[in-house]
Each structure stands twice: as C-alpha cells, then as structure tokens.
Amino acid sequence: MAIAFAKEGANVAVVSRKLENCVVVAQEIELIGRKALPLACHVGKWEELEPMVDTVEEGLGPIDILVNNAGMSPLYPSLEEVSEELFDKVIAINLKAPFRLMALVGSRMKNAKIRGSIINISSTASEVPSPSSQPYGSAKAGLNALTEAYAHAYGDGVRVNCIMAGPFMTDISKAWDMASFEERASISASGRGGQPEEIVGAAVYFASEESSFTTGATLRVDGGWAGDGE
C-alpha cells in the first residue's frame, strides 16, 4: 500500500514498531521519487501516538490519508488459556490504536478543511467464527463498527472506510499451519490466499477522489473466504 500510494504521487510516512523495516520501505519510496518518513512507534501505547502524528506533519505536512494497518493475533493453546495481558495487547493494537488515531488525525483534517480519507484494515475474522483468533476477531469487529461511527462523526469532509481482508501471504503466513490452511483454502471461492499486491486496488480507491461518495463502507477483499459457509 505504501509503495502504491507513492506511485500515485503521495509522500508517505511508514510507521511500525521496528524502525529498520520502515527504513527499507522508505528507501523504496524514495527511489520512486517521493518523500518518505520512516518512524518507529508502538501504536498500542497512546502516549506515543500524538507525538508521532506531530512528527509526520512536521516532516511531510498535513496528513490527508491515514491507513490503520497495524495488527497482531498471537497464538494461544485454548480460549480458557487466553491471559488478560494477551487480550489487552490484542485490543490495544487492533482497536484502541485506530480509535485514537482516527480521533487525532481526523480532527486535524476537519479543522484544516482537508478532504481526507481514513482507511481501516479489518479482517474476515471479524465475521467468520475462529476459535483460534477470537480476541483478534472481536477487536476487528469493533473496528468495523468504528468505521461507520467515525464516518458519521466526520461527515462529508473526511471519508472513513474499511477493507476487510482475508488471508494474505505476507510474512505472518510463515507461522501458519500450511496443511490446514491449504485444506481451508480449497473450499473458498478463490482456492488460495491473497498476494500482498492484491490489496492495492481497494486501498488506492478509498484513498482517491474516485471514492468521493463512499464513506462508512466495508469492502471484503478475501477471495471469497468469508462466504465459504463456515
């Protein structure tokens, strides 16, 4: 998504916990000819969010697109063994962080009269029962609800939309039980997981004025996984 936005002419702040990963992506963006700002930030810690937003605006100017893409879904042996600490961490990253960032960035967009776009990245786990990822699914269901709520809060000036992603073959897929994954994939409409570049079209659409009359929407980009009957 960051590379796609740069190719469309955007300057991009790349923010994650691990600065070295952000630097790699920022270097790719600069090769495209756009400005890039790599920043380390733990979005689960509210006290880091406003200083991060300030740094982005100091380095790149007012923000007109926000993508809430941070996520985590740790493995656990059973539901009764989910600790309060694990549950709170999952909620902090997947729900509390986007809530706070939408409030911080969206209000600045409104005050500056910027016709901005906020894009939340949810998951089909928010709708499909998954005992192995219920704290995550619950948080993402909350994010779906926040998308509509913030769309109404900001009105026509700042659009707020959501991409409900299915399984994508990013680095996280290296930890999956691939035999189980392939069995599940075989009964989905597409029969496979998604490639990272296959999220680009939806993200660019929501970021651009082509979606000027689209707000409060959740778009499923999952190859038909959520509709496989399970």
C-alpha atoms as a PDB file:
ATOM      1  CA  MET A   1       0.000   0.000   0.000  1.00  0.00           C
ATOM      2  CA  ALA A   2       2.793   2.432   0.864  1.00  0.00           C
ATOM      3  CA  ILE A   3       4.552   1.790  -2.452  1.00  0.00           C
ATOM      4  CA  ALA A   4       1.258   2.067  -4.355  1.00  0.00           C
ATOM      5  CA  PHE A   5       0.461   5.435  -2.777  1.00  0.00           C
ATOM      6  CA  ALA A   6       3.928   6.704  -3.672  1.00  0.00           C
ATOM      7  CA  LYS A   7       3.443   5.618  -7.274  1.00  0.00           C
ATOM      8  CA  GLU A   8       0.214   7.631  -7.297  1.00  0.00           C
ATOM      9  CA  GLY A   9       2.137  10.727  -6.183  1.00  0.00           C
ATOM     10  CA  ALA A  10       1.900  10.658  -2.387  1.00  0.00           C
ATOM     11  CA  ASN A  11       4.607  11.343   0.134  1.00  0.00           C
ATOM     12  CA  VAL A  12       4.399   8.584   2.739  1.00  0.00           C
ATOM     13  CA  ALA A  13       5.170   8.151   6.426  1.00  0.00           C
ATOM     14  CA  VAL A  14       5.962   4.500   7.143  1.00  0.00           C
ATOM     15  CA  VAL A  15       5.304   3.719  10.794  1.00  0.00           C
ATOM     16  CA  SER A  16       5.836   0.481  12.690  1.00  0.00           C
ATOM     17  CA  ARG A  17       7.473  -0.836  15.847  1.00  0.00           C
ATOM     18  CA  LYS A  18      10.674  -1.841  14.040  1.00  0.00           C
ATOM     19  CA  LEU A  19      12.403   1.159  12.509  1.00  0.00           C
ATOM     20  CA  GLU A  20      14.703  -0.928  10.305  1.00  0.00           C
ATOM     21  CA  ASN A  21      11.716  -2.358   8.410  1.00  0.00           C
ATOM     22  CA  CYS A  22      10.297   1.140   7.911  1.00  0.00           C
ATOM     23  CA  VAL A  23      13.651   2.371   6.575  1.00  0.00           C
ATOM     24  CA  VAL A  24      13.693  -0.354   3.911  1.00  0.00           C
ATOM     25  CA  VAL A  25      10.240   0.637   2.638  1.00  0.00           C
ATOM     26  CA  ALA A  26      11.122   4.339   2.832  1.00  0.00           C
ATOM     27  CA  GLN A  27      14.173   3.755   0.635  1.00  0.00           C
ATOM     28  CA  GLU A  28      11.962   2.057  -1.964  1.00  0.00           C
ATOM     29  CA  ILE A  29       9.602   5.029  -1.908  1.00  0.00           C
ATOM     30  CA  GLU A  30      12.447   7.493  -2.375  1.00  0.00           C
ATOM     31  CA  LEU A  31      13.589   5.552  -5.454  1.00  0.00           C
ATOM     32  CA  ILE A  32      10.144   6.271  -6.912  1.00  0.00           C
ATOM     33  CA  GLY A  33      10.840   9.968  -6.427  1.00  0.00           C
ATOM     34  CA  ARG A  34       8.589  10.707  -3.458  1.00  0.00           C
ATOM     35  CA  LYS A  35       9.427  11.780   0.089  1.00  0.00           C
ATOM     36  CA  ALA A  36       9.315   9.105   2.763  1.00  0.00           C
ATOM     37  CA  LEU A  37       9.500   9.357   6.530  1.00  0.00           C
ATOM     38  CA  PRO A  38      10.303   6.141   8.456  1.00  0.00           C
ATOM     39  CA  LEU A  39       9.236   6.229  12.107  1.00  0.00           C
ATOM     40  CA  ALA A  40       9.240   3.777  14.995  1.00  0.00           C
ATOM     41  CA  CYS A  41       6.061   3.834  17.080  1.00  0.00           C
ATOM     42  CA  HIS A  42       4.214   1.313  19.222  1.00  0.00           C
ATOM     43  CA  VAL A  43       0.639   2.207  18.322  1.00  0.00           C
ATOM     44  CA  GLY A  44      -0.680   0.223  21.285  1.00  0.00           C
ATOM     45  CA  LYS A  45       0.754   2.944  23.539  1.00  0.00           C
ATOM     46  CA  TRP A  46      -1.456   6.032  23.332  1.00  0.00           C
ATOM     47  CA  GLU A  47       1.251   8.333  24.676  1.00  0.00           C
ATOM     48  CA  GLU A  48       3.325   7.653  21.526  1.00  0.00           C
ATOM     49  CA  LEU A  49       0.559   8.469  19.039  1.00  0.00           C
ATOM     50  CA  GLU A  50       0.200  12.245  19.188  1.00  0.00           C
ATOM     51  CA  PRO A  51       3.988  12.861  19.116  1.00  0.00           C
ATOM     52  CA  MET A  52       4.180  10.532  16.098  1.00  0.00           C
ATOM     53  CA  VAL A  53       1.427  12.453  14.286  1.00  0.00           C
ATOM     54  CA  ASP A  54       3.196  15.734  15.102  1.00  0.00           C
ATOM     55  CA  THR A  55       6.460  14.379  13.672  1.00  0.00           C
ATOM     56  CA  VAL A  56       4.741  13.246  10.472  1.00  0.00           C
ATOM     57  CA  GLU A  57       3.169  16.667   9.932  1.00  0.00           C
ATOM     58  CA  GLU A  58       6.445  18.429  10.677  1.00  0.00           C
ATOM     59  CA  GLY A  59       8.245  16.256   8.138  1.00  0.00           C
ATOM     60  CA  LEU A  60       5.660  15.891   5.372  1.00  0.00           C
ATOM     61  CA  GLY A  61       2.962  18.479   6.003  1.00  0.00           C
ATOM     62  CA  PRO A  62      -0.721  17.974   6.868  1.00  0.00           C
ATOM     63  CA  ILE A  63      -1.959  14.384   6.668  1.00  0.00           C
ATOM     64  CA  ASP A  64      -4.700  13.742   4.122  1.00  0.00           C
ATOM     65  CA  ILE A  65      -4.659   9.913   4.137  1.00  0.00           C
ATOM     66  CA  LEU A  66      -4.457   7.678   7.214  1.00  0.00           C
ATOM     67  CA  VAL A  67      -4.177   3.895   6.947  1.00  0.00           C
ATOM     68  CA  ASN A  68      -4.708   1.933  10.155  1.00  0.00           C
ATOM     69  CA  ASN A  69      -2.915  -1.281   9.257  1.00  0.00           C
ATOM     70  CA  ALA A  70      -1.177  -2.330  12.482  1.00  0.00           C
ATOM     71  CA  GLY A  71      -2.347  -5.679  13.771  1.00  0.00           C
ATOM     72  CA  MET A  72      -1.462  -8.658  15.928  1.00  0.00           C
ATOM     73  CA  SER A  73      -3.069 -12.015  16.652  1.00  0.00           C
ATOM     74  CA  PRO A  74      -0.877 -14.171  18.922  1.00  0.00           C
ATOM     75  CA  LEU A  75      -1.409 -17.914  19.017  1.00  0.00           C
ATOM     76  CA  TYR A  76      -2.826 -19.452  22.187  1.00  0.00           C
ATOM     77  CA  PRO A  77      -3.486 -23.091  23.158  1.00  0.00           C
ATOM     78  CA  SER A  78      -7.178 -22.656  24.076  1.00  0.00           C
ATOM     79  CA  LEU A  79      -9.721 -19.939  24.815  1.00  0.00           C
ATOM     80  CA  GLU A  80      -9.600 -20.537  28.572  1.00  0.00           C
ATOM     81  CA  GLU A  81      -5.825 -20.047  28.494  1.00  0.00           C
ATOM     82  CA  VAL A  82      -6.027 -16.574  26.954  1.00  0.00           C
ATOM     83  CA  SER A  83      -4.452 -14.313  29.573  1.00  0.00           C
ATOM     84  CA  GLU A  84      -5.702 -10.851  30.414  1.00  0.00           C
ATOM     85  CA  GLU A  85      -2.342  -9.482  29.260  1.00  0.00           C
ATOM     86  CA  LEU A  86      -2.650 -11.122  25.824  1.00  0.00           C
ATOM     87  CA  PHE A  87      -6.260  -9.991  25.434  1.00  0.00           C
ATOM     88  CA  ASP A  88      -5.399  -6.402  26.363  1.00  0.00           C
ATOM     89  CA  LYS A  89      -2.459  -6.308  23.938  1.00  0.00           C
ATOM     90  CA  VAL A  90      -4.620  -7.524  21.058  1.00  0.00           C
ATOM     91  CA  ILE A  91      -7.322  -4.955  21.815  1.00  0.00           C
ATOM     92  CA  ALA A  92      -4.727  -2.180  22.189  1.00  0.00           C
ATOM     93  CA  ILE A  93      -3.169  -2.755  18.771  1.00  0.00           C
ATOM     94  CA  ASN A  94      -6.256  -3.684  16.750  1.00  0.00           C
ATOM     95  CA  LEU A  95      -8.940  -1.443  18.270  1.00  0.00           C
ATOM     96  CA  LYS A  96      -7.692   1.200  20.684  1.00  0.00           C
ATOM     97  CA  ALA A  97      -4.929   2.417  18.369  1.00  0.00           C
ATOM     98  CA  PRO A  98      -7.170   3.062  15.353  1.00  0.00           C
ATOM     99  CA  PHE A  99      -9.770   4.682  17.626  1.00  0.00           C
ATOM    100  CA  ARG A 100      -7.201   7.164  18.899  1.00  0.00           C
ATOM    101  CA  LEU A 101      -5.510   7.772  15.538  1.00  0.00           C
ATOM    102  CA  MET A 102      -8.841   8.416  13.814  1.00  0.00           C
ATOM    103  CA  ALA A 103      -9.653  10.924  16.544  1.00  0.00           C
ATOM    104  CA  LEU A 104      -6.273  12.671  16.324  1.00  0.00           C
ATOM    105  CA  VAL A 105      -5.826  12.721  12.555  1.00  0.00           C
ATOM    106  CA  GLY A 106      -9.484  13.051  11.580  1.00  0.00           C
ATOM    107  CA  SER A 107      -9.993  16.090  13.782  1.00  0.00           C
ATOM    108  CA  ARG A 108      -6.917  17.750  12.279  1.00  0.00           C
ATOM    109  CA  MET A 109      -8.223  17.041   8.785  1.00  0.00           C
ATOM    110  CA  LYS A 110     -11.576  18.603   9.686  1.00  0.00           C
ATOM    111  CA  ASN A 111     -10.024  21.659  11.335  1.00  0.00           C
ATOM    112  CA  ALA A 112      -7.761  22.233   8.335  1.00  0.00           C
ATOM    113  CA  LYS A 113     -10.692  21.673   5.932  1.00  0.00           C
ATOM    114  CA  ILE A 114      -8.816  18.816   4.275  1.00  0.00           C
ATOM    115  CA  ARG A 115     -10.991  16.386   2.326  1.00  0.00           C
ATOM    116  CA  GLY A 116      -9.184  13.450   3.846  1.00  0.00           C
ATOM    117  CA  SER A 117      -9.506   9.695   3.722  1.00  0.00           C
ATOM    118  CA  ILE A 118      -9.133   7.230   6.585  1.00  0.00           C
ATOM    119  CA  ILE A 119      -8.730   3.563   5.677  1.00  0.00           C
ATOM    120  CA  ASN A 120      -9.050   0.875   8.345  1.00  0.00           C
ATOM    121  CA  ILE A 121      -7.732  -2.612   7.682  1.00  0.00           C
ATOM    122  CA  SER A 122     -10.039  -5.171   9.247  1.00  0.00           C
ATOM    123  CA  SER A 123     -10.233  -8.937   8.788  1.00  0.00           C
ATOM    124  CA  THR A 124     -12.728 -11.611   7.844  1.00  0.00           C
ATOM    125  CA  ALA A 125     -12.083 -12.912  11.373  1.00  0.00           C
ATOM    126  CA  SER A 126     -14.497 -10.159  12.418  1.00  0.00           C
ATOM    127  CA  GLU A 127     -17.353 -12.086  10.781  1.00  0.00           C
ATOM    128  CA  VAL A 128     -16.196 -15.703  10.477  1.00  0.00           C
ATOM    129  CA  PRO A 129     -16.078 -17.730  13.738  1.00  0.00           C
ATOM    130  CA  SER A 130     -12.481 -18.630  14.534  1.00  0.00           C
ATOM    131  CA  PRO A 131     -11.781 -20.100  17.988  1.00  0.00           C
ATOM    132  CA  SER A 132      -8.046 -19.706  17.405  1.00  0.00           C
ATOM    133  CA  SER A 133      -8.242 -15.930  16.984  1.00  0.00           C
ATOM    134  CA  GLN A 134     -11.253 -14.666  18.912  1.00  0.00           C
ATOM    135  CA  PRO A 135      -9.650 -11.698  20.707  1.00  0.00           C
ATOM    136  CA  TYR A 136      -8.416 -10.560  17.286  1.00  0.00           C
ATOM    137  CA  GLY A 137     -11.766 -11.189  15.605  1.00  0.00           C
ATOM    138  CA  SER A 138     -13.577  -9.296  18.353  1.00  0.00           C
ATOM    139  CA  ALA A 139     -11.234  -6.323  18.011  1.00  0.00           C
ATOM    140  CA  LYS A 140     -11.664  -6.247  14.243  1.00  0.00           C
ATOM    141  CA  ALA A 141     -15.455  -6.428  14.626  1.00  0.00           C
ATOM    142  CA  GLY A 142     -15.134  -3.367  16.817  1.00  0.00           C
ATOM    143  CA  LEU A 143     -13.061  -1.691  14.104  1.00  0.00           C
ATOM    144  CA  ASN A 144     -15.831  -2.363  11.574  1.00  0.00           C
ATOM    145  CA  ALA A 145     -18.249  -0.581  13.908  1.00  0.00           C
ATOM    146  CA  LEU A 146     -15.859   2.313  14.490  1.00  0.00           C
ATOM    147  CA  THR A 147     -15.564   2.795  10.733  1.00  0.00           C
ATOM    148  CA  GLU A 148     -19.262   3.599  10.429  1.00  0.00           C
ATOM    149  CA  ALA A 149     -19.295   5.653  13.620  1.00  0.00           C
ATOM    150  CA  TYR A 150     -16.391   7.855  12.570  1.00  0.00           C
ATOM    151  CA  ALA A 151     -17.817   8.238   9.058  1.00  0.00           C
ATOM    152  CA  HIS A 152     -20.914   9.793  10.641  1.00  0.00           C
ATOM    153  CA  ALA A 153     -18.839  11.833  13.084  1.00  0.00           C
ATOM    154  CA  TYR A 154     -16.783  13.466  10.315  1.00  0.00           C
ATOM    155  CA  GLY A 155     -19.484  13.740   7.666  1.00  0.00           C
ATOM    156  CA  ASP A 156     -18.706  14.642   4.072  1.00  0.00           C
ATOM    157  CA  GLY A 157     -15.336  16.266   4.792  1.00  0.00           C
ATOM    158  CA  VAL A 158     -13.395  13.197   5.920  1.00  0.00           C
ATOM    159  CA  ARG A 159     -14.276   9.800   4.472  1.00  0.00           C
ATOM    160  CA  VAL A 160     -13.790   6.738   6.672  1.00  0.00           C
ATOM    161  CA  ASN A 161     -13.819   3.290   5.064  1.00  0.00           C
ATOM    162  CA  CYS A 162     -12.672  -0.218   5.839  1.00  0.00           C
ATOM    163  CA  ILE A 163     -11.015  -3.055   3.938  1.00  0.00           C
ATOM    164  CA  MET A 164     -11.974  -6.428   5.393  1.00  0.00           C
ATOM    165  CA  ALA A 165      -9.009  -8.534   4.379  1.00  0.00           C
ATOM    166  CA  GLY A 166      -8.894 -12.291   4.089  1.00  0.00           C
ATOM    167  CA  PRO A 167      -5.689 -14.324   4.437  1.00  0.00           C
ATOM    168  CA  PHE A 168      -2.765 -12.665   2.670  1.00  0.00           C
ATOM    169  CA  MET A 169       0.591 -14.338   2.112  1.00  0.00           C
ATOM    170  CA  THR A 170       2.655 -11.752   3.967  1.00  0.00           C
ATOM    171  CA  ASP A 171       5.451 -12.582   6.435  1.00  0.00           C
ATOM    172  CA  ILE A 172       2.864 -13.650   9.019  1.00  0.00           C
ATOM    173  CA  SER A 173       1.896 -16.618   6.854  1.00  0.00           C
ATOM    174  CA  LYS A 174       5.265 -18.212   7.664  1.00  0.00           C
ATOM    175  CA  ALA A 175       3.833 -19.096  11.093  1.00  0.00           C
ATOM    176  CA  TRP A 176       0.706 -20.785   9.704  1.00  0.00           C
ATOM    177  CA  ASP A 177      -0.044 -24.495   9.641  1.00  0.00           C
ATOM    178  CA  MET A 178       0.094 -24.671   5.851  1.00  0.00           C
ATOM    179  CA  ALA A 179      -1.563 -28.086   5.590  1.00  0.00           C
ATOM    180  CA  SER A 180      -4.589 -26.778   7.477  1.00  0.00           C
ATOM    181  CA  PHE A 181      -4.507 -23.530   5.516  1.00  0.00           C
ATOM    182  CA  GLU A 182      -4.488 -25.285   2.149  1.00  0.00           C
ATOM    183  CA  GLU A 183      -7.378 -27.528   3.211  1.00  0.00           C
ATOM    184  CA  ARG A 184      -9.423 -24.459   4.177  1.00  0.00           C
ATOM    185  CA  ALA A 185      -8.375 -22.617   1.019  1.00  0.00           C
ATOM    186  CA  SER A 186      -9.610 -25.457  -1.156  1.00  0.00           C
ATOM    187  CA  ILE A 187     -13.236 -24.733  -0.218  1.00  0.00           C
ATOM    188  CA  SER A 188     -13.019 -20.949  -0.623  1.00  0.00           C
ATOM    189  CA  ALA A 189     -14.164 -19.308  -3.847  1.00  0.00           C
ATOM    190  CA  SER A 190     -10.617 -18.474  -4.956  1.00  0.00           C
ATOM    191  CA  GLY A 191      -8.940 -21.600  -3.613  1.00  0.00           C
ATOM    192  CA  ARG A 192      -5.901 -19.694  -2.352  1.00  0.00           C
ATOM    193  CA  GLY A 193      -4.548 -16.921  -0.149  1.00  0.00           C
ATOM    194  CA  GLY A 194      -4.038 -13.409  -1.453  1.00  0.00           C
ATOM    195  CA  GLN A 195      -0.778 -11.829  -2.572  1.00  0.00           C
ATOM    196  CA  PRO A 196       0.146  -8.514  -0.892  1.00  0.00           C
ATOM    197  CA  GLU A 197      -0.202  -6.518  -4.107  1.00  0.00           C
ATOM    198  CA  GLU A 198      -3.827  -7.665  -4.407  1.00  0.00           C
ATOM    199  CA  ILE A 199      -4.875  -5.260  -1.639  1.00  0.00           C
ATOM    200  CA  VAL A 200      -3.600  -2.269  -3.616  1.00  0.00           C
ATOM    201  CA  GLY A 201      -6.650  -1.584  -5.794  1.00  0.00           C
ATOM    202  CA  ALA A 202      -9.007  -1.275  -2.834  1.00  0.00           C
ATOM    203  CA  ALA A 203      -6.598   0.929  -0.894  1.00  0.00           C
ATOM    204  CA  VAL A 204      -5.950   3.298  -3.810  1.00  0.00           C
ATOM    205  CA  TYR A 205      -9.690   3.531  -4.481  1.00  0.00           C
ATOM    206  CA  PHE A 206     -10.501   4.519  -0.910  1.00  0.00           C
ATOM    207  CA  ALA A 207      -7.565   6.978  -0.810  1.00  0.00           C
ATOM    208  CA  SER A 208      -8.534   8.751  -4.013  1.00  0.00           C
ATOM    209  CA  GLU A 209     -11.302  11.122  -5.028  1.00  0.00           C
ATOM    210  CA  GLU A 210     -12.712   8.260  -7.123  1.00  0.00           C
ATOM    211  CA  SER A 211     -14.426   7.209  -3.878  1.00  0.00           C
ATOM    212  CA  SER A 212     -15.705  10.706  -3.091  1.00  0.00           C
ATOM    213  CA  PHE A 213     -19.233   9.408  -2.367  1.00  0.00           C
ATOM    214  CA  THR A 214     -18.077   6.350  -0.429  1.00  0.00           C
ATOM    215  CA  THR A 215     -17.831   6.575   3.355  1.00  0.00           C
ATOM    216  CA  GLY A 216     -18.705   4.223   6.196  1.00  0.00           C
ATOM    217  CA  ALA A 217     -18.212   1.284   3.801  1.00  0.00           C
ATOM    218  CA  THR A 218     -16.553  -2.063   4.477  1.00  0.00           C
ATOM    219  CA  LEU A 219     -15.158  -3.825   1.420  1.00  0.00           C
ATOM    220  CA  ARG A 220     -14.378  -7.523   1.660  1.00  0.00           C
ATOM    221  CA  VAL A 221     -11.113  -8.396  -0.134  1.00  0.00           C
ATOM    222  CA  ASP A 222     -10.723 -12.056   0.713  1.00  0.00           C
ATOM    223  CA  GLY A 223     -11.018 -14.243  -2.379  1.00  0.00           C
ATOM    224  CA  GLY A 224     -14.373 -15.480  -1.142  1.00  0.00           C
ATOM    225  CA  TRP A 225     -13.147 -16.882   2.189  1.00  0.00           C
ATOM    226  CA  ALA A 226     -15.891 -15.313   4.334  1.00  0.00           C
ATOM    227  CA  GLY A 227     -18.544 -16.753   2.052  1.00  0.00           C
ATOM    228  CA  ASP A 228     -17.361 -20.350   2.165  1.00  0.00           C
ATOM    229  CA  GLY A 229     -20.139 -21.440   4.517  1.00  0.00           C
ATOM    230  CA  GLU A 230     -18.071 -21.898   7.670  1.00  0.00           C
END
